[in-house]
C-alpha atoms as a PDB file:
ATOM      1  CA  UNK A   1      17.456  12.459  -7.942  1.00  0.00           C
ATOM      2  CA  UNK A   2      19.040   9.172  -9.141  1.00  0.00           C
ATOM      3  CA  UNK A   3      21.124   8.916  -5.963  1.00  0.00           C
ATOM      4  CA  UNK A   4      17.902   8.984  -3.928  1.00  0.00           C
ATOM      5  CA  UNK A   5      15.945   6.611  -6.054  1.00  0.00           C
ATOM      6  CA  UNK A   6      19.016   4.077  -5.940  1.00  0.00           C
ATOM      7  CA  UNK A   7      19.166   4.460  -2.148  1.00  0.00           C
ATOM      8  CA  UNK A   8      15.364   4.119  -1.836  1.00  0.00           C
ATOM      9  CA  UNK A   9      15.571   1.005  -3.765  1.00  0.00           C
ATOM     10  CA  UNK A  10      18.305  -0.452  -1.277  1.00  0.00           C
ATOM     11  CA  UNK A  11      16.495   0.450   1.924  1.00  0.00           C
ATOM     12  CA  UNK A  12      13.054  -1.166   0.695  1.00  0.00           C
ATOM     13  CA  UNK A  13      11.718  -3.810  -1.551  1.00  0.00           C
ATOM     14  CA  UNK A  14       9.667  -2.108  -4.036  1.00  0.00           C
ATOM     15  CA  UNK A  15       6.594  -4.471  -4.944  1.00  0.00           C
ATOM     16  CA  UNK A  16       4.718  -2.006  -7.202  1.00  0.00           C
ATOM     17  CA  UNK A  17       4.364   1.476  -8.424  1.00  0.00           C
ATOM     18  CA  UNK A  18       0.824   2.638  -8.999  1.00  0.00           C
ATOM     19  CA  UNK A  19       1.417   5.730 -11.063  1.00  0.00           C
ATOM     20  CA  UNK A  20      -2.371   6.830 -11.163  1.00  0.00           C
ATOM     21  CA  UNK A  21      -1.812   7.069  -7.419  1.00  0.00           C
ATOM     22  CA  UNK A  22       1.615   8.185  -7.411  1.00  0.00           C
ATOM     23  CA  UNK A  23       2.312   5.464  -4.657  1.00  0.00           C
ATOM     24  CA  UNK A  24       4.940   2.542  -4.200  1.00  0.00           C
ATOM     25  CA  UNK A  25       3.508  -0.529  -2.408  1.00  0.00           C
ATOM     26  CA  UNK A  26       7.048  -1.743  -0.678  1.00  0.00           C
ATOM     27  CA  UNK A  27       8.067  -4.242   1.811  1.00  0.00           C
ATOM     28  CA  UNK A  28      10.481  -3.931   4.770  1.00  0.00           C
ATOM     29  CA  UNK A  29      11.354  -6.223   7.352  1.00  0.00           C
ATOM     30  CA  UNK A  30       8.531  -8.599   6.343  1.00  0.00           C
ATOM     31  CA  UNK A  31       5.976  -5.996   6.429  1.00  0.00           C
ATOM     32  CA  UNK A  32       4.042  -3.713   3.661  1.00  0.00           C
ATOM     33  CA  UNK A  33       3.682  -0.214   3.749  1.00  0.00           C
ATOM     34  CA  UNK A  34       2.959   2.816   1.357  1.00  0.00           C
ATOM     35  CA  UNK A  35       5.402   5.427   0.254  1.00  0.00           C
ATOM     36  CA  UNK A  36       5.330   8.304  -2.177  1.00  0.00           C
ATOM     37  CA  UNK A  37       7.355   8.916  -4.985  1.00  0.00           C
ATOM     38  CA  UNK A  38       9.487  11.244  -2.852  1.00  0.00           C
ATOM     39  CA  UNK A  39      10.136   8.492  -0.423  1.00  0.00           C
ATOM     40  CA  UNK A  40       8.011   9.666   2.075  1.00  0.00           C
ATOM     41  CA  UNK A  41       6.345   6.800   4.267  1.00  0.00           C
ATOM     42  CA  UNK A  42       2.367   6.966   3.968  1.00  0.00           C
ATOM     43  CA  UNK A  43       1.853   4.387   6.376  1.00  0.00           C
ATOM     44  CA  UNK A  44       4.023   2.519   8.892  1.00  0.00           C
ATOM     45  CA  UNK A  45       5.236  -1.282   7.764  1.00  0.00           C
ATOM     46  CA  UNK A  46       2.734  -2.919   9.849  1.00  0.00           C
ATOM     47  CA  UNK A  47       0.737  -4.604   6.914  1.00  0.00           C
ATOM     48  CA  UNK A  48       0.976  -8.445   6.369  1.00  0.00           C
ATOM     49  CA  UNK A  49      -0.393  -7.609   2.891  1.00  0.00           C
ATOM     50  CA  UNK A  50      -1.530  -4.849   0.451  1.00  0.00           C
ATOM     51  CA  UNK A  51      -3.372  -5.247  -2.944  1.00  0.00           C
ATOM     52  CA  UNK A  52      -3.309  -3.139  -5.732  1.00  0.00           C
ATOM     53  CA  UNK A  53      -5.810   0.047  -5.616  1.00  0.00           C
ATOM     54  CA  UNK A  54      -9.145  -0.482  -6.883  1.00  0.00           C
ATOM     55  CA  UNK A  55     -11.493   2.276  -7.264  1.00  0.00           C
ATOM     56  CA  UNK A  56      -9.300   4.437  -4.998  1.00  0.00           C
ATOM     57  CA  UNK A  57      -8.716   1.965  -1.969  1.00  0.00           C
ATOM     58  CA  UNK A  58      -6.235  -0.711  -1.641  1.00  0.00           C
ATOM     59  CA  UNK A  59      -7.244  -3.847   0.467  1.00  0.00           C
ATOM     60  CA  UNK A  60      -4.955  -4.488   3.135  1.00  0.00           C
ATOM     61  CA  UNK A  61      -4.427  -6.940   6.318  1.00  0.00           C
ATOM     62  CA  UNK A  62      -3.035  -6.019   9.571  1.00  0.00           C
ATOM     63  CA  UNK A  63      -3.032  -8.165  13.072  1.00  0.00           C
ATOM     64  CA  UNK A  64      -5.042 -10.935  11.073  1.00  0.00           C
ATOM     65  CA  UNK A  65      -7.934  -8.594   9.952  1.00  0.00           C
ATOM     66  CA  UNK A  66      -8.892  -6.610   6.919  1.00  0.00           C
ATOM     67  CA  UNK A  67      -9.430  -3.021   6.013  1.00  0.00           C
ATOM     68  CA  UNK A  68      -8.777  -0.387   3.149  1.00  0.00           C
ATOM     69  CA  UNK A  69      -6.331   2.412   2.651  1.00  0.00           C
ATOM     70  CA  UNK A  70      -6.557   5.333   0.281  1.00  0.00           C
ATOM     71  CA  UNK A  71      -3.413   6.552  -1.565  1.00  0.00           C
ATOM     72  CA  UNK A  72      -2.591   8.685   1.120  1.00  0.00           C
ATOM     73  CA  UNK A  73      -2.157   5.885   3.651  1.00  0.00           C
ATOM     74  CA  UNK A  74      -5.144   6.968   5.389  1.00  0.00           C
ATOM     75  CA  UNK A  75      -7.136   3.885   6.942  1.00  0.00           C
ATOM     76  CA  UNK A  76     -10.481   4.536   5.500  1.00  0.00           C
ATOM     77  CA  UNK A  77     -12.560   1.407   6.376  1.00  0.00           C
ATOM     78  CA  UNK A  78     -11.325  -0.172   9.712  1.00  0.00           C
ATOM     79  CA  UNK A  79      -9.286  -3.221  10.276  1.00  0.00           C
ATOM     80  CA  UNK A  80     -12.215  -5.246  11.651  1.00  0.00           C
ATOM     81  CA  UNK A  81     -12.935  -7.683   9.131  1.00  0.00           C
ATOM     82  CA  UNK A  82     -12.030 -11.400   9.028  1.00  0.00           C
ATOM     83  CA  UNK A  83     -12.517 -11.582   5.122  1.00  0.00           C
ATOM     84  CA  UNK A  84     -12.902  -8.644   2.559  1.00  0.00           C
ATOM     85  CA  UNK A  85     -12.580  -8.506  -1.251  1.00  0.00           C
ATOM     86  CA  UNK A  86     -11.247  -5.522  -3.399  1.00  0.00           C
ATOM     87  CA  UNK A  87     -13.658  -3.137  -4.620  1.00  0.00           C
ATOM     88  CA  UNK A  88     -13.996  -3.861  -8.381  1.00  0.00           C
ATOM     89  CA  UNK A  89     -16.373  -2.185 -10.963  1.00  0.00           C
ATOM     90  CA  UNK A  90     -17.888  -4.527 -13.071  1.00  0.00           C
ATOM     91  CA  UNK A  91     -18.404  -3.496 -16.676  1.00  0.00           C
ATOM     92  CA  UNK A  92     -22.269  -3.437 -17.661  1.00  0.00           C
END
């Protein structure tokens, strides 16, 4: 398993591992994508940015527009928005 992770790190620039969601935010050839801890690509590497997850969703940018991904890589909120912010719960 250690050999796999070494190869994985050589092929992709791992930017963040979000343990609660068991997902890596990675960069390949200038674009971002999500990869699980077994190395399976959950998304294609087509995003110009992906933020950390907040309340189960990650803000991402694709083709100049924003949308939201879940930790399975599914596009939950379509990439139709020219501006967007991450979901953050505020303490009351």
